Amino acid sequence: MKLLKKMMQVALATFFFGLLVTSTVFADDSEGWQFVQENGRTYYKKGALKETYWRVIDGKYYYFDPLSGEMVVGWQYIPAPHKGVTIGPSPRI
């Protein structure tokens, strides 16, 4: 039980630390940023540019794969320096 409690504390601390290092991006159609579905995958794009890592869009947190730019959905473990973060079910767009 103590191990589970310690693991939860580490997971929560890591998650909230990750929130501190996010960038804020607004879904402003006048600038061309928009969610795009391609081959069953979701991206946040402006032309050929794709967002990566943690982003706050319209007040919601999203994580985009750093290599592909694909929005990560479902329960996922996201590696971080020295620790990692587990995120939950798919966000509603």
N, C-alpha and C. Protein backbone atom coordinates (compact mmCIF):
# COMPACT_ATOMS: atom_id res chain seq x y z
N MET A 1 0.82 -1.19 0.00
CA MET A 1 0.00 0.00 0.00
C MET A 1 0.87 1.26 0.00
N LYS A 2 1.97 1.22 0.78
CA LYS A 2 2.87 2.37 0.82
C LYS A 2 3.52 2.60 -0.54
N LEU A 3 3.85 1.51 -1.23
CA LEU A 3 4.46 1.62 -2.55
C LEU A 3 3.48 2.26 -3.54
N LEU A 4 2.23 1.85 -3.49
CA LEU A 4 1.21 2.42 -4.37
C LEU A 4 1.02 3.91 -4.09
N LYS A 5 0.99 4.27 -2.81
CA LYS A 5 0.85 5.68 -2.44
C LYS A 5 2.03 6.50 -2.95
N LYS A 6 3.24 5.96 -2.80
CA LYS A 6 4.44 6.65 -3.27
C LYS A 6 4.42 6.80 -4.79
N MET A 7 4.00 5.75 -5.50
CA MET A 7 3.92 5.80 -6.96
C MET A 7 2.91 6.85 -7.42
N MET A 8 1.80 6.95 -6.73
CA MET A 8 0.78 7.95 -7.07
C MET A 8 1.31 9.36 -6.84
N GLN A 9 2.04 9.56 -5.75
CA GLN A 9 2.62 10.87 -5.47
C GLN A 9 3.61 11.27 -6.55
N VAL A 10 4.45 10.34 -6.96
CA VAL A 10 5.43 10.62 -8.01
C VAL A 10 4.72 10.91 -9.32
N ALA A 11 3.71 10.13 -9.66
CA ALA A 11 2.97 10.33 -10.91
C ALA A 11 2.29 11.70 -10.92
N LEU A 12 1.65 12.06 -9.84
CA LEU A 12 0.97 13.37 -9.77
C LEU A 12 1.96 14.51 -9.82
N ALA A 13 3.07 14.39 -9.10
CA ALA A 13 4.08 15.45 -9.12
C ALA A 13 4.65 15.62 -10.52
N THR A 14 4.91 14.52 -11.19
CA THR A 14 5.44 14.57 -12.55
C THR A 14 4.44 15.20 -13.50
N PHE A 15 3.18 14.82 -13.37
CA PHE A 15 2.13 15.38 -14.23
C PHE A 15 2.04 16.89 -14.05
N PHE A 16 1.98 17.35 -12.81
CA PHE A 16 1.84 18.78 -12.58
C PHE A 16 3.10 19.55 -12.97
N PHE A 17 4.26 18.94 -12.82
CA PHE A 17 5.48 19.59 -13.31
C PHE A 17 5.41 19.75 -14.83
N GLY A 18 4.91 18.72 -15.50
CA GLY A 18 4.75 18.78 -16.95
C GLY A 18 3.83 19.90 -17.38
N LEU A 19 2.82 20.18 -16.58
CA LEU A 19 1.90 21.27 -16.90
C LEU A 19 2.59 22.63 -16.84
N LEU A 20 3.60 22.73 -16.00
CA LEU A 20 4.31 24.00 -15.87
C LEU A 20 5.17 24.32 -17.08
N VAL A 21 5.56 23.32 -17.84
CA VAL A 21 6.44 23.55 -18.98
C VAL A 21 5.68 23.48 -20.31
N THR A 22 4.40 23.81 -20.28
CA THR A 22 3.61 23.80 -21.51
C THR A 22 3.66 25.14 -22.19
N SER A 23 3.29 25.15 -23.43
CA SER A 23 3.16 26.39 -24.19
C SER A 23 1.69 26.62 -24.47
N THR A 24 1.27 27.85 -24.47
CA THR A 24 -0.12 28.16 -24.77
C THR A 24 -0.26 28.47 -26.25
N VAL A 25 -1.19 27.78 -26.87
CA VAL A 25 -1.50 28.01 -28.28
C VAL A 25 -3.00 28.17 -28.37
N PHE A 26 -3.46 29.15 -29.08
CA PHE A 26 -4.89 29.37 -29.22
C PHE A 26 -5.36 28.92 -30.59
N ALA A 27 -6.54 28.34 -30.64
CA ALA A 27 -7.11 27.88 -31.90
C ALA A 27 -7.72 29.08 -32.62
N ASP A 28 -6.87 29.85 -33.26
CA ASP A 28 -7.29 31.07 -33.94
C ASP A 28 -7.32 30.81 -35.45
N ASP A 29 -8.53 30.69 -36.01
CA ASP A 29 -8.66 30.40 -37.43
C ASP A 29 -8.09 31.50 -38.31
N SER A 30 -8.04 32.75 -37.80
CA SER A 30 -7.50 33.83 -38.61
C SER A 30 -6.01 33.61 -38.88
N GLU A 31 -5.33 32.89 -38.00
CA GLU A 31 -3.92 32.58 -38.21
C GLU A 31 -3.74 31.23 -38.89
N GLY A 32 -4.81 30.48 -39.04
CA GLY A 32 -4.74 29.22 -39.74
C GLY A 32 -4.51 27.98 -38.89
N TRP A 33 -4.36 28.11 -37.57
CA TRP A 33 -4.18 26.93 -36.73
C TRP A 33 -5.50 26.20 -36.61
N GLN A 34 -5.48 24.89 -36.80
CA GLN A 34 -6.71 24.11 -36.69
C GLN A 34 -6.39 22.63 -36.47
N PHE A 35 -7.36 21.92 -35.87
CA PHE A 35 -7.23 20.48 -35.73
C PHE A 35 -7.51 19.86 -37.09
N VAL A 36 -6.66 18.92 -37.48
CA VAL A 36 -6.78 18.28 -38.79
C VAL A 36 -6.73 16.77 -38.60
N GLN A 37 -7.66 16.05 -39.24
CA GLN A 37 -7.66 14.59 -39.23
C GLN A 37 -7.00 14.10 -40.51
N GLU A 38 -5.96 13.29 -40.39
CA GLU A 38 -5.28 12.70 -41.54
C GLU A 38 -5.02 11.23 -41.27
N ASN A 39 -5.56 10.36 -42.11
CA ASN A 39 -5.36 8.91 -41.96
C ASN A 39 -5.73 8.42 -40.56
N GLY A 40 -6.82 8.94 -40.00
CA GLY A 40 -7.27 8.52 -38.69
C GLY A 40 -6.49 9.10 -37.53
N ARG A 41 -5.58 10.01 -37.80
CA ARG A 41 -4.77 10.65 -36.76
C ARG A 41 -5.12 12.12 -36.69
N THR A 42 -4.99 12.71 -35.49
CA THR A 42 -5.33 14.11 -35.31
C THR A 42 -4.06 14.93 -35.10
N TYR A 43 -3.98 16.06 -35.79
CA TYR A 43 -2.86 16.98 -35.69
C TYR A 43 -3.42 18.38 -35.45
N TYR A 44 -2.59 19.25 -34.92
CA TYR A 44 -2.94 20.67 -34.80
C TYR A 44 -1.95 21.39 -35.69
N LYS A 45 -2.46 21.92 -36.81
CA LYS A 45 -1.57 22.40 -37.86
C LYS A 45 -1.89 23.82 -38.32
N LYS A 46 -0.86 24.43 -38.85
CA LYS A 46 -0.97 25.68 -39.60
C LYS A 46 -0.14 25.45 -40.85
N GLY A 47 -0.82 25.18 -41.96
CA GLY A 47 -0.10 24.83 -43.18
C GLY A 47 0.66 23.54 -42.96
N ALA A 48 1.96 23.54 -43.21
CA ALA A 48 2.79 22.34 -43.02
C ALA A 48 3.32 22.22 -41.59
N LEU A 49 3.15 23.25 -40.77
CA LEU A 49 3.66 23.23 -39.39
C LEU A 49 2.74 22.40 -38.50
N LYS A 50 3.34 21.55 -37.68
CA LYS A 50 2.59 20.74 -36.72
C LYS A 50 3.07 21.06 -35.32
N GLU A 51 2.13 21.16 -34.39
CA GLU A 51 2.49 21.36 -32.98
C GLU A 51 3.08 20.09 -32.42
N THR A 52 3.95 20.23 -31.42
CA THR A 52 4.54 19.08 -30.73
C THR A 52 4.57 19.35 -29.23
N TYR A 53 4.75 18.30 -28.47
CA TYR A 53 4.82 18.33 -27.00
C TYR A 53 3.51 18.84 -26.40
N TRP A 54 3.54 19.34 -25.16
CA TRP A 54 2.35 19.81 -24.46
C TRP A 54 1.91 21.16 -25.00
N ARG A 55 0.61 21.31 -25.20
CA ARG A 55 0.05 22.59 -25.65
C ARG A 55 -1.27 22.83 -24.92
N VAL A 56 -1.55 24.08 -24.63
CA VAL A 56 -2.84 24.48 -24.08
C VAL A 56 -3.58 25.16 -25.22
N ILE A 57 -4.69 24.56 -25.62
CA ILE A 57 -5.47 25.09 -26.74
C ILE A 57 -6.88 25.31 -26.24
N ASP A 58 -7.33 26.55 -26.28
CA ASP A 58 -8.66 26.92 -25.78
C ASP A 58 -8.88 26.42 -24.35
N GLY A 59 -7.85 26.52 -23.51
CA GLY A 59 -7.97 26.16 -22.11
C GLY A 59 -7.86 24.67 -21.81
N LYS A 60 -7.61 23.82 -22.82
CA LYS A 60 -7.48 22.38 -22.61
C LYS A 60 -6.04 21.96 -22.92
N TYR A 61 -5.55 20.97 -22.16
CA TYR A 61 -4.19 20.48 -22.36
C TYR A 61 -4.18 19.32 -23.36
N TYR A 62 -3.25 19.37 -24.28
CA TYR A 62 -3.08 18.32 -25.28
C TYR A 62 -1.60 17.97 -25.36
N TYR A 63 -1.31 16.72 -25.72
CA TYR A 63 0.07 16.31 -25.93
C TYR A 63 0.19 15.80 -27.36
N PHE A 64 1.20 16.33 -28.07
CA PHE A 64 1.45 15.95 -29.45
C PHE A 64 2.82 15.28 -29.53
N ASP A 65 2.88 14.14 -30.21
CA ASP A 65 4.13 13.40 -30.35
C ASP A 65 5.23 14.31 -30.88
N PRO A 66 6.41 14.33 -30.23
CA PRO A 66 7.47 15.25 -30.65
C PRO A 66 8.05 14.96 -32.04
N LEU A 67 7.91 13.74 -32.53
CA LEU A 67 8.45 13.41 -33.86
C LEU A 67 7.42 13.57 -34.97
N SER A 68 6.22 13.01 -34.75
CA SER A 68 5.21 13.01 -35.82
C SER A 68 4.24 14.17 -35.72
N GLY A 69 4.08 14.75 -34.52
CA GLY A 69 3.09 15.80 -34.33
C GLY A 69 1.69 15.27 -34.09
N GLU A 70 1.54 13.94 -34.05
CA GLU A 70 0.22 13.33 -33.84
C GLU A 70 -0.25 13.56 -32.41
N MET A 71 -1.55 13.89 -32.23
CA MET A 71 -2.12 14.07 -30.90
C MET A 71 -2.19 12.71 -30.21
N VAL A 72 -1.66 12.63 -28.99
CA VAL A 72 -1.66 11.40 -28.22
C VAL A 72 -2.99 11.30 -27.50
N VAL A 73 -3.68 10.17 -27.67
CA VAL A 73 -4.99 9.97 -27.04
C VAL A 73 -5.00 8.64 -26.30
N GLY A 74 -5.97 8.48 -25.42
CA GLY A 74 -6.08 7.26 -24.63
C GLY A 74 -5.06 7.26 -23.50
N TRP A 75 -4.99 6.14 -22.79
CA TRP A 75 -4.03 6.03 -21.70
C TRP A 75 -2.65 5.82 -22.29
N GLN A 76 -1.75 6.74 -22.02
CA GLN A 76 -0.40 6.70 -22.58
C GLN A 76 0.62 7.06 -21.51
N TYR A 77 1.78 6.43 -21.60
CA TYR A 77 2.90 6.81 -20.76
C TYR A 77 3.80 7.70 -21.61
N ILE A 78 4.06 8.90 -21.14
CA ILE A 78 4.87 9.85 -21.89
C ILE A 78 6.19 10.03 -21.16
N PRO A 79 7.29 9.57 -21.75
CA PRO A 79 8.59 9.71 -21.09
C PRO A 79 8.96 11.18 -20.89
N ALA A 80 9.54 11.46 -19.76
CA ALA A 80 10.04 12.80 -19.45
C ALA A 80 11.41 12.62 -18.81
N PRO A 81 12.22 13.67 -18.75
CA PRO A 81 13.54 13.52 -18.13
C PRO A 81 13.44 12.97 -16.71
N HIS A 82 14.05 11.84 -16.46
CA HIS A 82 14.12 11.17 -15.16
C HIS A 82 12.80 10.58 -14.70
N LYS A 83 11.68 10.93 -15.34
CA LYS A 83 10.37 10.43 -14.93
C LYS A 83 9.49 10.36 -16.16
N GLY A 84 8.23 10.02 -15.96
CA GLY A 84 7.27 10.00 -17.06
C GLY A 84 5.90 10.40 -16.57
N VAL A 85 4.99 10.57 -17.49
CA VAL A 85 3.64 11.00 -17.17
C VAL A 85 2.67 10.06 -17.85
N THR A 86 1.62 9.68 -17.16
CA THR A 86 0.56 8.89 -17.78
C THR A 86 -0.64 9.80 -17.94
N ILE A 87 -1.17 9.87 -19.17
CA ILE A 87 -2.35 10.69 -19.40
C ILE A 87 -3.53 9.79 -19.71
N GLY A 88 -4.73 10.34 -19.53
CA GLY A 88 -5.94 9.54 -19.62
C GLY A 88 -6.62 9.53 -20.97
N PRO A 89 -7.93 9.26 -20.94
CA PRO A 89 -8.70 9.08 -22.16
C PRO A 89 -8.63 10.27 -23.11
N SER A 90 -9.06 10.02 -24.32
CA SER A 90 -9.02 11.01 -25.40
C SER A 90 -9.73 12.30 -25.02
N PRO A 91 -9.09 13.45 -25.23
CA PRO A 91 -9.78 14.72 -24.98
C PRO A 91 -10.83 14.97 -26.03
N ARG A 92 -11.85 15.71 -25.68
CA ARG A 92 -12.88 16.07 -26.65
C ARG A 92 -12.44 17.31 -27.39
N ILE A 93 -12.55 17.27 -28.69
CA ILE A 93 -12.17 18.42 -29.52
C ILE A 93 -13.42 19.17 -29.89
